[in-house]
PDB file of N, CA and C in Angstrom:
ATOM      1  N   MET A   1       0.820  -1.183   0.000  1.00  0.00           N
ATOM      2  CA  MET A   1       0.000   0.000   0.000  1.00  0.00           C
ATOM      3  C   MET A   1       0.867   1.250   0.000  1.00  0.00           C
ATOM      4  N   ALA A   2       0.323   2.258  -0.674  1.00  0.00           N
ATOM      5  CA  ALA A   2       1.049   3.521  -0.725  1.00  0.00           C
ATOM      6  C   ALA A   2       0.884   4.247   0.590  1.00  0.00           C
ATOM      7  N   GLU A   3       1.945   4.939   0.926  1.00  0.00           N
ATOM      8  CA  GLU A   3       1.877   5.695   2.179  1.00  0.00           C
ATOM      9  C   GLU A   3       1.020   6.932   1.980  1.00  0.00           C
ATOM     10  N   GLN A   4       0.276   7.264   2.951  1.00  0.00           N
ATOM     11  CA  GLN A   4      -0.550   8.466   2.893  1.00  0.00           C
ATOM     12  C   GLN A   4       0.147   9.566   3.660  1.00  0.00           C
ATOM     13  N   THR A   5       0.186  10.727   3.049  1.00  0.00           N
ATOM     14  CA  THR A   5       0.783  11.861   3.746  1.00  0.00           C
ATOM     15  C   THR A   5      -0.263  12.465   4.654  1.00  0.00           C
ATOM     16  N   PRO A   6       0.157  12.867   5.814  1.00  0.00           N
ATOM     17  CA  PRO A   6      -0.837  13.467   6.720  1.00  0.00           C
ATOM     18  C   PRO A   6      -1.335  14.790   6.144  1.00  0.00           C
ATOM     19  N   LYS A   7      -2.607  15.004   6.223  1.00  0.00           N
ATOM     20  CA  LYS A   7      -3.199  16.242   5.726  1.00  0.00           C
ATOM     21  C   LYS A   7      -2.966  17.356   6.732  1.00  0.00           C
ATOM     22  N   SER A   8      -2.707  18.533   6.190  1.00  0.00           N
ATOM     23  CA  SER A   8      -2.500  19.670   7.083  1.00  0.00           C
ATOM     24  C   SER A   8      -3.854  20.066   7.668  1.00  0.00           C
ATOM     25  N   PRO A   9      -3.816  20.647   8.832  1.00  0.00           N
ATOM     26  CA  PRO A   9      -5.088  21.054   9.444  1.00  0.00           C
ATOM     27  C   PRO A   9      -5.759  22.115   8.571  1.00  0.00           C
ATOM     28  N   PRO A  10      -7.062  22.124   8.530  1.00  0.00           N
ATOM     29  CA  PRO A  10      -7.758  23.107   7.678  1.00  0.00           C
ATOM     30  C   PRO A  10      -7.449  24.532   8.119  1.00  0.00           C
ATOM     31  N   SER A  11      -7.199  25.365   7.144  1.00  0.00           N
ATOM     32  CA  SER A  11      -6.915  26.766   7.453  1.00  0.00           C
ATOM     33  C   SER A  11      -8.240  27.511   7.626  1.00  0.00           C
ATOM     34  N   ALA A  12      -8.125  28.765   7.926  1.00  0.00           N
ATOM     35  CA  ALA A  12      -9.330  29.577   8.134  1.00  0.00           C
ATOM     36  C   ALA A  12     -10.110  29.654   6.821  1.00  0.00           C
ATOM     37  N   PRO A  13     -11.421  29.679   6.892  1.00  0.00           N
ATOM     38  CA  PRO A  13     -12.212  29.762   5.654  1.00  0.00           C
ATOM     39  C   PRO A  13     -11.920  31.077   4.939  1.00  0.00           C
ATOM     40  N   PRO A  14     -12.009  31.058   3.611  1.00  0.00           N
ATOM     41  CA  PRO A  14     -11.742  32.304   2.869  1.00  0.00           C
ATOM     42  C   PRO A  14     -12.795  33.353   3.210  1.00  0.00           C
ATOM     43  N   PRO A  15     -12.402  34.622   3.137  1.00  0.00           N
ATOM     44  CA  PRO A  15     -13.368  35.676   3.459  1.00  0.00           C
ATOM     45  C   PRO A  15     -14.493  35.677   2.420  1.00  0.00           C
ATOM     46  N   PRO A  16     -15.675  36.070   2.826  1.00  0.00           N
ATOM     47  CA  PRO A  16     -16.795  36.093   1.871  1.00  0.00           C
ATOM     48  C   PRO A  16     -16.539  37.154   0.803  1.00  0.00           C
ATOM     49  N   PRO A  17     -17.040  36.916  -0.412  1.00  0.00           N
ATOM     50  CA  PRO A  17     -16.835  37.918  -1.470  1.00  0.00           C
ATOM     51  C   PRO A  17     -17.595  39.196  -1.131  1.00  0.00           C
ATOM     52  N   PRO A  18     -17.064  40.328  -1.581  1.00  0.00           N
ATOM     53  CA  PRO A  18     -17.751  41.601  -1.289  1.00  0.00           C
ATOM     54  C   PRO A  18     -19.062  41.674  -2.063  1.00  0.00           C
ATOM     55  N   PRO A  19     -19.983  42.475  -1.599  1.00  0.00           N
ATOM     56  CA  PRO A  19     -21.236  42.658  -2.346  1.00  0.00           C
ATOM     57  C   PRO A  19     -20.925  43.192  -3.749  1.00  0.00           C
ATOM     58  N   PRO A  20     -21.767  42.897  -4.735  1.00  0.00           N
ATOM     59  CA  PRO A  20     -21.460  43.286  -6.107  1.00  0.00           C
ATOM     60  C   PRO A  20     -21.385  44.791  -6.336  1.00  0.00           C
ATOM     61  N   HIS A  21     -22.030  45.589  -5.511  1.00  0.00           N
ATOM     62  CA  HIS A  21     -22.034  47.030  -5.752  1.00  0.00           C
ATOM     63  C   HIS A  21     -20.791  47.715  -5.204  1.00  0.00           C
ATOM     64  N   GLN A  22     -19.985  47.023  -4.390  1.00  0.00           N
ATOM     65  CA  GLN A  22     -18.771  47.617  -3.862  1.00  0.00           C
ATOM     66  C   GLN A  22     -17.600  47.296  -4.772  1.00  0.00           C
ATOM     67  N   LYS A  23     -16.726  48.268  -4.945  1.00  0.00           N
ATOM     68  CA  LYS A  23     -15.570  48.095  -5.798  1.00  0.00           C
ATOM     69  C   LYS A  23     -14.355  47.846  -4.910  1.00  0.00           C
ATOM     70  N   LEU A  24     -13.603  46.830  -5.256  1.00  0.00           N
ATOM     71  CA  LEU A  24     -12.407  46.544  -4.481  1.00  0.00           C
ATOM     72  C   LEU A  24     -11.320  47.562  -4.801  1.00  0.00           C
ATOM     73  N   PRO A  25     -10.518  47.960  -3.819  1.00  0.00           N
ATOM     74  CA  PRO A  25      -9.414  48.867  -4.122  1.00  0.00           C
ATOM     75  C   PRO A  25      -8.357  48.132  -4.955  1.00  0.00           C
ATOM     76  N   HIS A  26      -7.721  48.864  -5.855  1.00  0.00           N
ATOM     77  CA  HIS A  26      -6.703  48.260  -6.698  1.00  0.00           C
ATOM     78  C   HIS A  26      -5.417  48.058  -5.897  1.00  0.00           C
ATOM     79  N   PRO A  27      -4.731  46.949  -6.118  1.00  0.00           N
ATOM     80  CA  PRO A  27      -3.429  46.785  -5.489  1.00  0.00           C
ATOM     81  C   PRO A  27      -2.459  47.840  -6.004  1.00  0.00           C
ATOM     82  N   PRO A  28      -1.402  48.129  -5.273  1.00  0.00           N
ATOM     83  CA  PRO A  28      -0.469  49.184  -5.700  1.00  0.00           C
ATOM     84  C   PRO A  28       0.140  48.907  -7.078  1.00  0.00           C
ATOM     85  N   GLU A  29       0.359  47.616  -7.412  1.00  0.00           N
ATOM     86  CA  GLU A  29       0.955  47.313  -8.717  1.00  0.00           C
ATOM     87  C   GLU A  29       0.015  47.749  -9.845  1.00  0.00           C
ATOM     88  N   GLU A  30      -1.282  47.496  -9.685  1.00  0.00           N
ATOM     89  CA  GLU A  30      -2.242  47.888 -10.714  1.00  0.00           C
ATOM     90  C   GLU A  30      -2.358  49.406 -10.801  1.00  0.00           C
ATOM     91  N   ALA A  31      -2.317  50.086  -9.680  1.00  0.00           N
ATOM     92  CA  ALA A  31      -2.399  51.543  -9.685  1.00  0.00           C
ATOM     93  C   ALA A  31      -1.200  52.137 -10.404  1.00  0.00           C
ATOM     94  N   ALA A  32      -0.006  51.577 -10.177  1.00  0.00           N
ATOM     95  CA  ALA A  32       1.196  52.078 -10.847  1.00  0.00           C
ATOM     96  C   ALA A  32       1.115  51.812 -12.349  1.00  0.00           C
ATOM     97  N   ALA A  33       0.602  50.641 -12.719  1.00  0.00           N
ATOM     98  CA  ALA A  33       0.474  50.317 -14.142  1.00  0.00           C
ATOM     99  C   ALA A  33      -0.543  51.232 -14.811  1.00  0.00           C
ATOM    100  N   ALA A  34      -1.633  51.534 -14.120  1.00  0.00           N
ATOM    101  CA  ALA A  34      -2.653  52.423 -14.688  1.00  0.00           C
ATOM    102  C   ALA A  34      -2.096  53.837 -14.847  1.00  0.00           C
ATOM    103  N   ALA A  35      -1.300  54.273 -13.892  1.00  0.00           N
ATOM    104  CA  ALA A  35      -0.698  55.603 -13.997  1.00  0.00           C
ATOM    105  C   ALA A  35       0.294  55.650 -15.149  1.00  0.00           C
ATOM    106  N   ALA A  36       1.019  54.561 -15.375  1.00  0.00           N
ATOM    107  CA  ALA A  36       1.993  54.517 -16.468  1.00  0.00           C
ATOM    108  C   ALA A  36       1.278  54.532 -17.823  1.00  0.00           C
ATOM    109  N   ARG A  37       0.085  53.941 -17.897  1.00  0.00           N
ATOM    110  CA  ARG A  37      -0.666  53.927 -19.159  1.00  0.00           C
ATOM    111  C   ARG A  37      -1.176  55.311 -19.506  1.00  0.00           C
ATOM    112  N   GLY A  38      -1.396  56.141 -18.527  1.00  0.00           N
ATOM    113  CA  GLY A  38      -1.830  57.506 -18.781  1.00  0.00           C
ATOM    114  C   GLY A  38      -3.261  57.579 -19.252  1.00  0.00           C
ATOM    115  N   TRP A  39      -3.462  57.575 -20.563  1.00  0.00           N
ATOM    116  CA  TRP A  39      -4.787  57.747 -21.141  1.00  0.00           C
ATOM    117  C   TRP A  39      -5.728  56.634 -20.729  1.00  0.00           C
ATOM    118  N   SER A  40      -5.252  55.411 -20.700  1.00  0.00           N
ATOM    119  CA  SER A  40      -6.125  54.291 -20.360  1.00  0.00           C
ATOM    120  C   SER A  40      -6.628  54.396 -18.934  1.00  0.00           C
ATOM    121  N   ALA A  41      -5.856  55.056 -18.081  1.00  0.00           N
ATOM    122  CA  ALA A  41      -6.292  55.213 -16.698  1.00  0.00           C
ATOM    123  C   ALA A  41      -7.546  56.076 -16.622  1.00  0.00           C
ATOM    124  N   HIS A  42      -7.752  56.921 -17.626  1.00  0.00           N
ATOM    125  CA  HIS A  42      -8.935  57.787 -17.658  1.00  0.00           C
ATOM    126  C   HIS A  42     -10.107  57.144 -18.365  1.00  0.00           C
ATOM    127  N   GLY A  43      -9.934  55.943 -18.879  1.00  0.00           N
ATOM    128  CA  GLY A  43     -11.029  55.242 -19.502  1.00  0.00           C
ATOM    129  C   GLY A  43     -11.048  55.341 -21.011  1.00  0.00           C
ATOM    130  N   TYR A  44     -10.037  55.961 -21.622  1.00  0.00           N
ATOM    131  CA  TYR A  44     -10.003  56.030 -23.078  1.00  0.00           C
ATOM    132  C   TYR A  44      -9.484  54.707 -23.617  1.00  0.00           C
ATOM    133  N   PRO A  45     -10.180  54.100 -24.582  1.00  0.00           N
ATOM    134  CA  PRO A  45      -9.769  52.775 -25.043  1.00  0.00           C
ATOM    135  C   PRO A  45      -8.523  52.790 -25.915  1.00  0.00           C
ATOM    136  N   ASN A  46      -8.258  53.875 -26.631  1.00  0.00           N
ATOM    137  CA  ASN A  46      -7.127  53.915 -27.548  1.00  0.00           C
ATOM    138  C   ASN A  46      -6.179  55.045 -27.162  1.00  0.00           C
ATOM    139  N   PRO A  47      -5.088  54.729 -26.498  1.00  0.00           N
ATOM    140  CA  PRO A  47      -4.142  55.788 -26.129  1.00  0.00           C
ATOM    141  C   PRO A  47      -3.466  56.345 -27.378  1.00  0.00           C
ATOM    142  N   PRO A  48      -2.963  57.562 -27.312  1.00  0.00           N
ATOM    143  CA  PRO A  48      -2.309  58.131 -28.485  1.00  0.00           C
ATOM    144  C   PRO A  48      -1.012  57.393 -28.799  1.00  0.00           C
ATOM    145  N   ASP A  49      -0.611  57.455 -30.065  1.00  0.00           N
ATOM    146  CA  ASP A  49       0.636  56.813 -30.465  1.00  0.00           C
ATOM    147  C   ASP A  49       1.816  57.588 -29.887  1.00  0.00           C
ATOM    148  N   ALA A  50       2.888  56.859 -29.597  1.00  0.00           N
ATOM    149  CA  ALA A  50       4.090  57.509 -29.078  1.00  0.00           C
ATOM    150  C   ALA A  50       4.752  58.351 -30.164  1.00  0.00           C
ATOM    151  N   ALA A  51       4.646  57.918 -31.420  1.00  0.00           N
ATOM    152  CA  ALA A  51       5.224  58.660 -32.540  1.00  0.00           C
ATOM    153  C   ALA A  51       4.271  58.569 -33.713  1.00  0.00           C
ATOM    154  N   ASN A  52       4.445  59.470 -34.670  1.00  0.00           N
ATOM    155  CA  ASN A  52       3.605  59.425 -35.861  1.00  0.00           C
ATOM    156  C   ASN A  52       3.923  58.169 -36.660  1.00  0.00           C
ATOM    157  N   PRO A  53       2.887  57.483 -37.174  1.00  0.00           N
ATOM    158  CA  PRO A  53       3.154  56.286 -37.976  1.00  0.00           C
ATOM    159  C   PRO A  53       3.783  56.654 -39.318  1.00  0.00           C
ATOM    160  N   ASP A  54       4.347  55.669 -39.962  1.00  0.00           N
ATOM    161  CA  ASP A  54       5.006  55.920 -41.246  1.00  0.00           C
ATOM    162  C   ASP A  54       3.957  56.273 -42.307  1.00  0.00           C
ATOM    163  N   PRO A  55       4.373  56.913 -43.388  1.00  0.00           N
ATOM    164  CA  PRO A  55       3.422  57.361 -44.416  1.00  0.00           C
ATOM    165  C   PRO A  55       2.613  56.229 -45.040  1.00  0.00           C
ATOM    166  N   ALA A  56       3.195  55.045 -45.194  1.00  0.00           N
ATOM    167  CA  ALA A  56       2.448  53.937 -45.795  1.00  0.00           C
ATOM    168  C   ALA A  56       1.262  53.547 -44.914  1.00  0.00           C
ATOM    169  N   THR A  57       1.472  53.529 -43.604  1.00  0.00           N
ATOM    170  CA  THR A  57       0.383  53.193 -42.675  1.00  0.00           C
ATOM    171  C   THR A  57      -0.701  54.263 -42.718  1.00  0.00           C
ATOM    172  N   LEU A  58      -0.278  55.522 -42.720  1.00  0.00           N
ATOM    173  CA  LEU A  58      -1.256  56.607 -42.783  1.00  0.00           C
ATOM    174  C   LEU A  58      -2.059  56.544 -44.081  1.00  0.00           C
ATOM    175  N   ARG A  59      -1.400  56.240 -45.199  1.00  0.00           N
ATOM    176  CA  ARG A  59      -2.090  56.130 -46.478  1.00  0.00           C
ATOM    177  C   ARG A  59      -3.109  55.002 -46.441  1.00  0.00           C
ATOM    178  N   GLU A  60      -2.715  53.868 -45.861  1.00  0.00           N
ATOM    179  CA  GLU A  60      -3.640  52.727 -45.759  1.00  0.00           C
ATOM    180  C   GLU A  60      -4.840  53.067 -44.874  1.00  0.00           C
ATOM    181  N   GLN A  61      -4.582  53.739 -43.747  1.00  0.00           N
ATOM    182  CA  GLN A  61      -5.686  54.119 -42.860  1.00  0.00           C
ATOM    183  C   GLN A  61      -6.615  55.116 -43.545  1.00  0.00           C
ATOM    184  N   TRP A  62      -6.045  56.053 -44.313  1.00  0.00           N
ATOM    185  CA  TRP A  62      -6.859  57.040 -45.011  1.00  0.00           C
ATOM    186  C   TRP A  62      -7.731  56.378 -46.066  1.00  0.00           C
ATOM    187  N   ARG A  63      -7.160  55.434 -46.821  1.00  0.00           N
ATOM    188  CA  ARG A  63      -7.949  54.729 -47.838  1.00  0.00           C
ATOM    189  C   ARG A  63      -9.062  53.915 -47.212  1.00  0.00           C
ATOM    190  N   PHE A  64      -8.765  53.271 -46.068  1.00  0.00           N
ATOM    191  CA  PHE A  64      -9.803  52.508 -45.373  1.00  0.00           C
ATOM    192  C   PHE A  64     -10.922  53.439 -44.922  1.00  0.00           C
ATOM    193  N   ALA A  65     -10.577  54.608 -44.381  1.00  0.00           N
ATOM    194  CA  ALA A  65     -11.595  55.564 -43.921  1.00  0.00           C
ATOM    195  C   ALA A  65     -12.449  56.056 -45.082  1.00  0.00           C
ATOM    196  N   ILE A  66     -11.830  56.300 -46.225  1.00  0.00           N
ATOM    197  CA  ILE A  66     -12.595  56.755 -47.389  1.00  0.00           C
ATOM    198  C   ILE A  66     -13.559  55.664 -47.852  1.00  0.00           C
ATOM    199  N   ARG A  67     -13.093  54.401 -47.871  1.00  0.00           N
ATOM    200  CA  ARG A  67     -13.984  53.302 -48.280  1.00  0.00           C
ATOM    201  C   ARG A  67     -15.162  53.171 -47.321  1.00  0.00           C
ATOM    202  N   GLN A  68     -14.889  53.268 -46.024  1.00  0.00           N
ATOM    203  CA  GLN A  68     -15.970  53.167 -45.041  1.00  0.00           C
ATOM    204  C   GLN A  68     -16.969  54.297 -45.217  1.00  0.00           C
ATOM    205  N   TYR A  69     -16.475  55.535 -45.371  1.00  0.00           N
ATOM    206  CA  TYR A  69     -17.366  56.678 -45.531  1.00  0.00           C
ATOM    207  C   TYR A  69     -18.201  56.521 -46.799  1.00  0.00           C
ATOM    208  N   SER A  70     -17.562  56.089 -47.882  1.00  0.00           N
ATOM    209  CA  SER A  70     -18.292  55.916 -49.139  1.00  0.00           C
ATOM    210  C   SER A  70     -19.386  54.871 -48.993  1.00  0.00           C
ATOM    211  N   ARG A  71     -19.087  53.800 -48.302  1.00  0.00           N
ATOM    212  CA  ARG A  71     -20.081  52.746 -48.102  1.00  0.00           C
ATOM    213  C   ARG A  71     -21.258  53.268 -47.279  1.00  0.00           C
ATOM    214  N   TRP A  72     -20.958  53.981 -46.180  1.00  0.00           N
ATOM    215  CA  TRP A  72     -22.038  54.513 -45.340  1.00  0.00           C
ATOM    216  C   TRP A  72     -22.859  55.553 -46.104  1.00  0.00           C
ATOM    217  N   TYR A  73     -22.183  56.380 -46.904  1.00  0.00           N
ATOM    218  CA  TYR A  73     -22.874  57.418 -47.662  1.00  0.00           C
ATOM    219  C   TYR A  73     -23.829  56.794 -48.676  1.00  0.00           C
ATOM    220  N   SER A  74     -23.362  55.779 -49.391  1.00  0.00           N
ATOM    221  CA  SER A  74     -24.233  55.147 -50.382  1.00  0.00           C
ATOM    222  C   SER A  74     -25.374  54.395 -49.714  1.00  0.00           C
ATOM    223  N   HIS A  75     -25.117  53.792 -48.568  1.00  0.00           N
ATOM    224  CA  HIS A  75     -26.201  53.118 -47.842  1.00  0.00           C
ATOM    225  C   HIS A  75     -27.240  54.124 -47.380  1.00  0.00           C
ATOM    226  N   ALA A  76     -26.787  55.286 -46.918  1.00  0.00           N
ATOM    227  CA  ALA A  76     -27.734  56.309 -46.461  1.00  0.00           C
ATOM    228  C   ALA A  76     -28.610  56.789 -47.621  1.00  0.00           C
ATOM    229  N   TRP A  77     -28.002  57.022 -48.797  1.00  0.00           N
ATOM    230  CA  TRP A  77     -28.788  57.468 -49.945  1.00  0.00           C
ATOM    231  C   TRP A  77     -29.746  56.370 -50.392  1.00  0.00           C
ATOM    232  N   GLY A  78     -29.295  55.142 -50.417  1.00  0.00           N
ATOM    233  CA  GLY A  78     -30.172  54.042 -50.806  1.00  0.00           C
ATOM    234  C   GLY A  78     -31.354  53.903 -49.872  1.00  0.00           C
ATOM    235  N   THR A  79     -31.084  54.041 -48.577  1.00  0.00           N
ATOM    236  CA  THR A  79     -32.169  53.955 -47.592  1.00  0.00           C
ATOM    237  C   THR A  79     -33.150  55.106 -47.770  1.00  0.00           C
ATOM    238  N   ALA A  80     -32.628  56.304 -48.007  1.00  0.00           N
ATOM    239  CA  ALA A  80     -33.512  57.460 -48.189  1.00  0.00           C
ATOM    240  C   ALA A  80     -34.390  57.296 -49.430  1.00  0.00           C
ATOM    241  N   ILE A  81     -33.816  56.794 -50.508  1.00  0.00           N
ATOM    242  CA  ILE A  81     -34.598  56.611 -51.738  1.00  0.00           C
ATOM    243  C   ILE A  81     -35.681  55.544 -51.540  1.00  0.00           C
ATOM    244  N   LEU A  82     -35.300  54.444 -50.898  1.00  0.00           N
ATOM    245  CA  LEU A  82     -36.297  53.398 -50.644  1.00  0.00           C
ATOM    246  C   LEU A  82     -37.406  53.893 -49.719  1.00  0.00           C
ATOM    247  N   ALA A  83     -37.036  54.656 -48.696  1.00  0.00           N
ATOM    248  CA  ALA A  83     -38.051  55.187 -47.785  1.00  0.00           C
ATOM    249  C   ALA A  83     -38.976  56.153 -48.518  1.00  0.00           C
ATOM    250  N   GLY A  84     -38.412  56.999 -49.390  1.00  0.00           N
ATOM    251  CA  GLY A  84     -39.243  57.919 -50.155  1.00  0.00           C
ATOM    252  C   GLY A  84     -40.211  57.181 -51.053  1.00  0.00           C
ATOM    253  N   ALA A  85     -39.726  56.162 -51.735  1.00  0.00           N
ATOM    254  CA  ALA A  85     -40.611  55.380 -52.611  1.00  0.00           C
ATOM    255  C   ALA A  85     -41.691  54.679 -51.796  1.00  0.00           C
ATOM    256  N   ALA A  86     -41.322  54.161 -50.624  1.00  0.00           N
ATOM    257  CA  ALA A  86     -42.307  53.471 -49.786  1.00  0.00           C
ATOM    258  C   ALA A  86     -43.383  54.437 -49.287  1.00  0.00           C
ATOM    259  N   PHE A  87     -42.980  55.640 -48.868  1.00  0.00           N
ATOM    260  CA  PHE A  87     -43.970  56.608 -48.399  1.00  0.00           C
ATOM    261  C   PHE A  87     -44.847  57.118 -49.548  1.00  0.00           C
ATOM    262  N   PHE A  88     -44.244  57.272 -50.736  1.00  0.00           N
ATOM    263  CA  PHE A  88     -45.048  57.674 -51.893  1.00  0.00           C
ATOM    264  C   PHE A  88     -46.100  56.608 -52.202  1.00  0.00           C
ATOM    265  N   ALA A  89     -45.682  55.336 -52.175  1.00  0.00           N
ATOM    266  CA  ALA A  89     -46.628  54.244 -52.439  1.00  0.00           C
ATOM    267  C   ALA A  89     -47.704  54.198 -51.365  1.00  0.00           C
ATOM    268  N   LEU A  90     -47.311  54.399 -50.114  1.00  0.00           N
ATOM    269  CA  LEU A  90     -48.291  54.403 -49.033  1.00  0.00           C
ATOM    270  C   LEU A  90     -49.288  55.549 -49.212  1.00  0.00           C
ATOM    271  N   GLY A  91     -48.790  56.724 -49.596  1.00  0.00           N
ATOM    272  CA  GLY A  91     -49.695  57.852 -49.849  1.00  0.00           C
ATOM    273  C   GLY A  91     -50.627  57.577 -50.999  1.00  0.00           C
ATOM    274  N   TRP A  92     -50.132  56.924 -52.040  1.00  0.00           N
ATOM    275  CA  TRP A  92     -50.966  56.582 -53.192  1.00  0.00           C
ATOM    276  C   TRP A  92     -52.069  55.622 -52.766  1.00  0.00           C
ATOM    277  N   ILE A  93     -51.711  54.639 -51.923  1.00  0.00           N
ATOM    278  CA  ILE A  93     -52.701  53.653 -51.452  1.00  0.00           C
ATOM    279  C   ILE A  93     -53.757  54.338 -50.587  1.00  0.00           C
ATOM    280  N   VAL A  94     -53.328  55.202 -49.677  1.00  0.00           N
ATOM    281  CA  VAL A  94     -54.265  55.855 -48.758  1.00  0.00           C
ATOM    282  C   VAL A  94     -55.174  56.822 -49.521  1.00  0.00           C
ATOM    283  N   LYS A  95     -54.600  57.649 -50.403  1.00  0.00           N
ATOM    284  CA  LYS A  95     -55.388  58.647 -51.120  1.00  0.00           C
ATOM    285  C   LYS A  95     -56.186  58.026 -52.270  1.00  0.00           C
ATOM    286  N   GLY A  96     -55.661  56.997 -52.876  1.00  0.00           N
ATOM    287  CA  GLY A  96     -56.340  56.388 -53.999  1.00  0.00           C
ATOM    288  C   GLY A  96     -55.922  56.973 -55.332  1.00  0.00           C
ATOM    289  N   SER A  97     -55.028  57.947 -55.302  1.00  0.00           N
ATOM    290  CA  SER A  97     -54.492  58.533 -56.537  1.00  0.00           C
ATOM    291  C   SER A  97     -53.126  59.125 -56.204  1.00  0.00           C
ATOM    292  N   ASN A  98     -52.568  59.867 -57.145  1.00  0.00           N
ATOM    293  CA  ASN A  98     -51.246  60.436 -56.946  1.00  0.00           C
ATOM    294  C   ASN A  98     -51.245  61.382 -55.749  1.00  0.00           C
ATOM    295  N   PRO A  99     -50.382  61.143 -54.741  1.00  0.00           N
ATOM    296  CA  PRO A  99     -50.398  61.981 -53.545  1.00  0.00           C
ATOM    297  C   PRO A  99     -49.699  63.320 -53.721  1.00  0.00           C
ATOM    298  N   LEU A 100     -48.974  63.524 -54.814  1.00  0.00           N
ATOM    299  CA  LEU A 100     -48.289  64.798 -55.008  1.00  0.00           C
ATOM    300  C   LEU A 100     -49.222  65.777 -55.710  1.00  0.00           C
ATOM    301  N   PRO A 101     -49.582  66.883 -55.039  1.00  0.00           N
ATOM    302  CA  PRO A 101     -50.526  67.812 -55.658  1.00  0.00           C
ATOM    303  C   PRO A 101     -49.963  68.462 -56.918  1.00  0.00           C
ATOM    304  N   SER A 102     -48.658  68.614 -57.028  1.00  0.00           N
ATOM    305  CA  SER A 102     -48.092  69.241 -58.218  1.00  0.00           C
ATOM    306  C   SER A 102     -48.196  68.330 -59.432  1.00  0.00           C
ATOM    307  N   ARG A 103     -48.426  67.065 -59.234  1.00  0.00           N
ATOM    308  CA  ARG A 103     -48.528  66.118 -60.332  1.00  0.00           C
ATOM    309  C   ARG A 103     -49.976  65.738 -60.633  1.00  0.00           C
ATOM    310  N   SER A 104     -50.916  66.328 -59.931  1.00  0.00           N
ATOM    311  CA  SER A 104     -52.311  65.955 -60.161  1.00  0.00           C
ATOM    312  C   SER A 104     -52.817  66.590 -61.456  1.00  0.00           C
ATOM    313  N   ASP A 105     -53.880  66.064 -61.968  1.00  0.00           N
ATOM    314  CA  ASP A 105     -54.472  66.557 -63.210  1.00  0.00           C
ATOM    315  C   ASP A 105     -55.324  67.783 -62.883  1.00  0.00           C
ATOM    316  N   HIS A 106     -54.901  68.960 -63.312  1.00  0.00           N
ATOM    317  CA  HIS A 106     -55.611  70.204 -62.996  1.00  0.00           C
ATOM    318  C   HIS A 106     -56.912  70.321 -63.785  1.00  0.00           C
ATOM    319  N   ARG A 107     -57.005  69.683 -64.938  1.00  0.00           N
ATOM    320  CA  ARG A 107     -58.233  69.759 -65.720  1.00  0.00           C
ATOM    321  C   ARG A 107     -59.419  69.131 -64.991  1.00  0.00           C
ATOM    322  N   ALA A 108     -59.151  68.094 -64.197  1.00  0.00           N
ATOM    323  CA  ALA A 108     -60.246  67.470 -63.447  1.00  0.00           C
ATOM    324  C   ALA A 108     -60.806  68.445 -62.421  1.00  0.00           C
ATOM    325  N   ASP A 109     -59.960  69.273 -61.837  1.00  0.00           N
ATOM    326  CA  ASP A 109     -60.431  70.263 -60.861  1.00  0.00           C
ATOM    327  C   ASP A 109     -61.260  71.357 -61.562  1.00  0.00           C
ATOM    328  N   ASP A 110     -60.843  71.739 -62.777  1.00  0.00           N
ATOM    329  CA  ASP A 110     -61.578  72.775 -63.502  1.00  0.00           C
ATOM    330  C   ASP A 110     -62.967  72.297 -63.930  1.00  0.00           C
ATOM    331  N   GLU A 111     -63.120  71.044 -64.277  1.00  0.00           N
ATOM    332  CA  GLU A 111     -64.401  70.522 -64.719  1.00  0.00           C
ATOM    333  C   GLU A 111     -65.403  70.449 -63.571  1.00  0.00           C
ATOM    334  N   LYS A 112     -64.936  70.297 -62.364  1.00  0.00           N
ATOM    335  CA  LYS A 112     -65.841  70.185 -61.217  1.00  0.00           C
ATOM    336  C   LYS A 112     -66.463  71.542 -60.880  1.00  0.00           C
ATOM    337  N   ARG A 113     -65.866  72.627 -61.236  1.00  0.00           N
ATOM    338  CA  ARG A 113     -66.358  73.947 -60.852  1.00  0.00           C
ATOM    339  C   ARG A 113     -67.492  74.422 -61.686  1.00  0.00           C
TER     340      ARG A 113
END
C-alpha cells in the first residue's frame, strides 16, 4: 500500500466575497500600471501613439476611412430613396391617386367647378 501523507489542518475559511455594488481597491501594482498607461487610466480605449506612424500606414488608414465613408454614404442614400418610394406608395394607397398635388391633373379640378 502507498503511504498516505498526513493532511494539514484546515486553514481559516476564505473571506466572503464583497457585495457586487462595492468596488475593491486596486493593489499598488495595478495603480502604478494604470498611472503609467496615462490615457487608459482615464477610460479612453485607444491611447495616443508615441510617434507618428510611417506614411504607408497613414495612407492605408486614409484609404480605409474613405472606403468606409463611401459605403455609409451610399447606404444612407439608398435607404432614403427606398423610404421615399415606400412613403409615396403608401400615400398613393391611402389617397387612392397620386399623392403629389403638383402632379395631379388640374383639368379634373376645372371641370368640377
